[in-house]
Amino acid sequence: MNELLKMILSMALTSLVLIPFVWGFGKIFNRFLSKRKIYYLWLVVYLFLTVPFSLFFLSPYKIVILCG
């Protein structure tokens, strides 16, 4: 349970930094980036926040402990 809480907290802190960064980047470089590129930036943010990337770095044993 402790690992799951750390993972959720990590994702929340990442979103706290990542969302304003991408929003500001899009506003500053709006005339240089097409709408498609800005869309892909937000798609990366969405994927990063919905898929817990820390699971990729855990061993299968830890994943079993977290899930069961």
N, C-alpha and C. Protein backbone atom coordinates (compact mmCIF):
# COMPACT_ATOMS: atom_id res chain seq x y z
N MET A 1 0.81 -1.19 0.00
CA MET A 1 0.00 0.00 0.00
C MET A 1 0.87 1.26 0.00
N ASN A 2 1.98 1.20 0.69
CA ASN A 2 2.88 2.34 0.77
C ASN A 2 3.45 2.68 -0.62
N GLU A 3 3.80 1.66 -1.41
CA GLU A 3 4.34 1.89 -2.75
C GLU A 3 3.29 2.51 -3.66
N LEU A 4 2.06 2.07 -3.53
CA LEU A 4 0.98 2.62 -4.34
C LEU A 4 0.75 4.09 -4.01
N LEU A 5 0.81 4.43 -2.73
CA LEU A 5 0.65 5.82 -2.32
C LEU A 5 1.79 6.69 -2.86
N LYS A 6 3.01 6.17 -2.84
CA LYS A 6 4.15 6.90 -3.39
C LYS A 6 3.99 7.13 -4.88
N MET A 7 3.48 6.11 -5.58
CA MET A 7 3.28 6.23 -7.02
C MET A 7 2.22 7.29 -7.34
N ILE A 8 1.12 7.30 -6.60
CA ILE A 8 0.06 8.28 -6.83
C ILE A 8 0.55 9.68 -6.50
N LEU A 9 1.29 9.82 -5.42
CA LEU A 9 1.85 11.12 -5.05
C LEU A 9 2.83 11.61 -6.10
N SER A 10 3.64 10.72 -6.61
CA SER A 10 4.59 11.08 -7.65
C SER A 10 3.88 11.55 -8.91
N MET A 11 2.81 10.88 -9.30
CA MET A 11 2.06 11.29 -10.48
C MET A 11 1.38 12.64 -10.26
N ALA A 12 0.89 12.88 -9.06
CA ALA A 12 0.25 14.16 -8.76
C ALA A 12 1.26 15.31 -8.81
N LEU A 13 2.43 15.09 -8.26
CA LEU A 13 3.46 16.13 -8.30
C LEU A 13 3.97 16.37 -9.71
N THR A 14 4.05 15.31 -10.49
CA THR A 14 4.46 15.45 -11.88
C THR A 14 3.44 16.28 -12.65
N SER A 15 2.17 16.03 -12.40
CA SER A 15 1.14 16.80 -13.11
C SER A 15 1.16 18.27 -12.68
N LEU A 16 1.51 18.51 -11.43
CA LEU A 16 1.59 19.88 -10.93
C LEU A 16 2.64 20.68 -11.68
N VAL A 17 3.69 20.02 -12.13
CA VAL A 17 4.76 20.70 -12.86
C VAL A 17 4.54 20.61 -14.37
N LEU A 18 4.11 19.46 -14.85
CA LEU A 18 4.05 19.21 -16.29
C LEU A 18 2.94 20.00 -16.99
N ILE A 19 1.78 20.09 -16.40
CA ILE A 19 0.66 20.78 -17.06
C ILE A 19 0.94 22.27 -17.25
N PRO A 20 1.38 23.02 -16.22
CA PRO A 20 1.69 24.45 -16.49
C PRO A 20 2.85 24.63 -17.46
N PHE A 21 3.81 23.71 -17.45
CA PHE A 21 4.94 23.81 -18.37
C PHE A 21 4.47 23.68 -19.81
N VAL A 22 3.66 22.68 -20.11
CA VAL A 22 3.18 22.49 -21.48
C VAL A 22 2.24 23.62 -21.88
N TRP A 23 1.41 24.08 -20.96
CA TRP A 23 0.50 25.19 -21.26
C TRP A 23 1.31 26.45 -21.61
N GLY A 24 2.31 26.76 -20.80
CA GLY A 24 3.15 27.93 -21.06
C GLY A 24 3.96 27.79 -22.34
N PHE A 25 4.48 26.59 -22.58
CA PHE A 25 5.23 26.32 -23.81
C PHE A 25 4.35 26.54 -25.03
N GLY A 26 3.10 26.08 -24.95
CA GLY A 26 2.17 26.27 -26.06
C GLY A 26 1.82 27.74 -26.28
N LYS A 27 1.69 28.49 -25.19
CA LYS A 27 1.37 29.92 -25.32
C LYS A 27 2.55 30.72 -25.88
N ILE A 28 3.75 30.40 -25.44
CA ILE A 28 4.93 31.13 -25.89
C ILE A 28 5.25 30.84 -27.36
N PHE A 29 5.19 29.57 -27.74
CA PHE A 29 5.56 29.17 -29.10
C PHE A 29 4.35 28.91 -29.98
N ASN A 30 3.23 29.55 -29.68
CA ASN A 30 1.99 29.32 -30.41
C ASN A 30 2.12 29.65 -31.89
N ARG A 31 2.83 30.72 -32.21
CA ARG A 31 2.94 31.10 -33.62
C ARG A 31 3.96 30.26 -34.38
N PHE A 32 4.82 29.54 -33.65
CA PHE A 32 5.83 28.71 -34.30
C PHE A 32 5.41 27.25 -34.41
N LEU A 33 4.45 26.84 -33.60
CA LEU A 33 4.00 25.45 -33.60
C LEU A 33 2.62 25.35 -34.23
N SER A 34 2.43 24.30 -34.99
CA SER A 34 1.11 24.08 -35.55
C SER A 34 0.19 23.52 -34.47
N LYS A 35 -1.09 23.55 -34.75
CA LYS A 35 -2.07 23.01 -33.80
C LYS A 35 -1.83 21.53 -33.57
N ARG A 36 -1.38 20.84 -34.60
CA ARG A 36 -1.11 19.41 -34.48
C ARG A 36 0.02 19.13 -33.50
N LYS A 37 1.08 19.93 -33.53
CA LYS A 37 2.20 19.73 -32.61
C LYS A 37 1.80 20.03 -31.17
N ILE A 38 0.99 21.06 -30.98
CA ILE A 38 0.50 21.36 -29.63
C ILE A 38 -0.40 20.24 -29.13
N TYR A 39 -1.20 19.69 -30.03
CA TYR A 39 -2.05 18.55 -29.68
C TYR A 39 -1.20 17.37 -29.24
N TYR A 40 -0.10 17.10 -29.96
CA TYR A 40 0.77 15.98 -29.58
C TYR A 40 1.47 16.22 -28.24
N LEU A 41 1.78 17.48 -27.94
CA LEU A 41 2.34 17.78 -26.61
C LEU A 41 1.36 17.41 -25.51
N TRP A 42 0.08 17.78 -25.71
CA TRP A 42 -0.92 17.43 -24.71
C TRP A 42 -1.17 15.93 -24.67
N LEU A 43 -1.01 15.25 -25.80
CA LEU A 43 -1.17 13.80 -25.82
C LEU A 43 -0.08 13.13 -24.98
N VAL A 44 1.13 13.65 -25.06
CA VAL A 44 2.22 13.12 -24.23
C VAL A 44 1.92 13.33 -22.76
N VAL A 45 1.40 14.50 -22.40
CA VAL A 45 1.02 14.76 -21.01
C VAL A 45 -0.05 13.79 -20.57
N TYR A 46 -1.06 13.59 -21.40
CA TYR A 46 -2.14 12.67 -21.06
C TYR A 46 -1.63 11.25 -20.84
N LEU A 47 -0.78 10.79 -21.74
CA LEU A 47 -0.25 9.43 -21.59
C LEU A 47 0.63 9.31 -20.35
N PHE A 48 1.41 10.33 -20.09
CA PHE A 48 2.29 10.29 -18.93
C PHE A 48 1.51 10.25 -17.62
N LEU A 49 0.37 10.92 -17.60
CA LEU A 49 -0.42 10.97 -16.38
C LEU A 49 -1.36 9.78 -16.21
N THR A 50 -1.72 9.12 -17.29
CA THR A 50 -2.64 7.99 -17.17
C THR A 50 -1.92 6.66 -17.03
N VAL A 51 -0.73 6.54 -17.58
CA VAL A 51 0.04 5.30 -17.47
C VAL A 51 1.10 5.50 -16.40
N PRO A 52 1.04 4.72 -15.34
CA PRO A 52 2.06 4.87 -14.28
C PRO A 52 3.41 4.34 -14.75
N PHE A 53 4.28 5.26 -15.18
CA PHE A 53 5.57 4.86 -15.73
C PHE A 53 6.47 4.18 -14.71
N SER A 54 6.22 4.40 -13.45
CA SER A 54 7.07 3.76 -12.44
C SER A 54 6.86 2.25 -12.43
N LEU A 55 5.75 1.78 -12.95
CA LEU A 55 5.53 0.33 -13.02
C LEU A 55 6.50 -0.33 -13.99
N PHE A 56 6.97 0.41 -15.00
CA PHE A 56 7.90 -0.15 -15.95
C PHE A 56 9.27 -0.43 -15.33
N PHE A 57 9.57 0.26 -14.26
CA PHE A 57 10.88 0.12 -13.64
C PHE A 57 10.86 -0.82 -12.44
N LEU A 58 9.72 -1.41 -12.14
CA LEU A 58 9.61 -2.34 -11.04
C LEU A 58 9.83 -3.77 -11.53
N SER A 59 10.32 -4.58 -10.67
CA SER A 59 10.47 -5.98 -11.03
C SER A 59 9.09 -6.64 -11.01
N PRO A 60 8.93 -7.77 -11.70
CA PRO A 60 7.63 -8.45 -11.69
C PRO A 60 7.17 -8.82 -10.28
N TYR A 61 8.10 -9.10 -9.38
CA TYR A 61 7.74 -9.45 -8.01
C TYR A 61 7.04 -8.28 -7.33
N LYS A 62 7.55 -7.06 -7.51
CA LYS A 62 6.93 -5.89 -6.91
C LYS A 62 5.56 -5.60 -7.50
N ILE A 63 5.40 -5.85 -8.81
CA ILE A 63 4.11 -5.62 -9.45
C ILE A 63 3.06 -6.56 -8.87
N VAL A 64 3.43 -7.81 -8.61
CA VAL A 64 2.50 -8.76 -8.00
C VAL A 64 2.11 -8.29 -6.61
N ILE A 65 3.06 -7.76 -5.86
CA ILE A 65 2.75 -7.28 -4.50
C ILE A 65 1.81 -6.07 -4.58
N LEU A 66 2.05 -5.16 -5.53
CA LEU A 66 1.17 -3.99 -5.65
C LEU A 66 -0.23 -4.37 -6.08
N CYS A 67 -0.36 -5.33 -6.97
CA CYS A 67 -1.68 -5.69 -7.50
C CYS A 67 -2.42 -6.66 -6.61
N GLY A 68 -1.76 -7.38 -5.82
CA GLY A 68 -2.47 -8.40 -5.05
C GLY A 68 -2.05 -8.42 -3.66
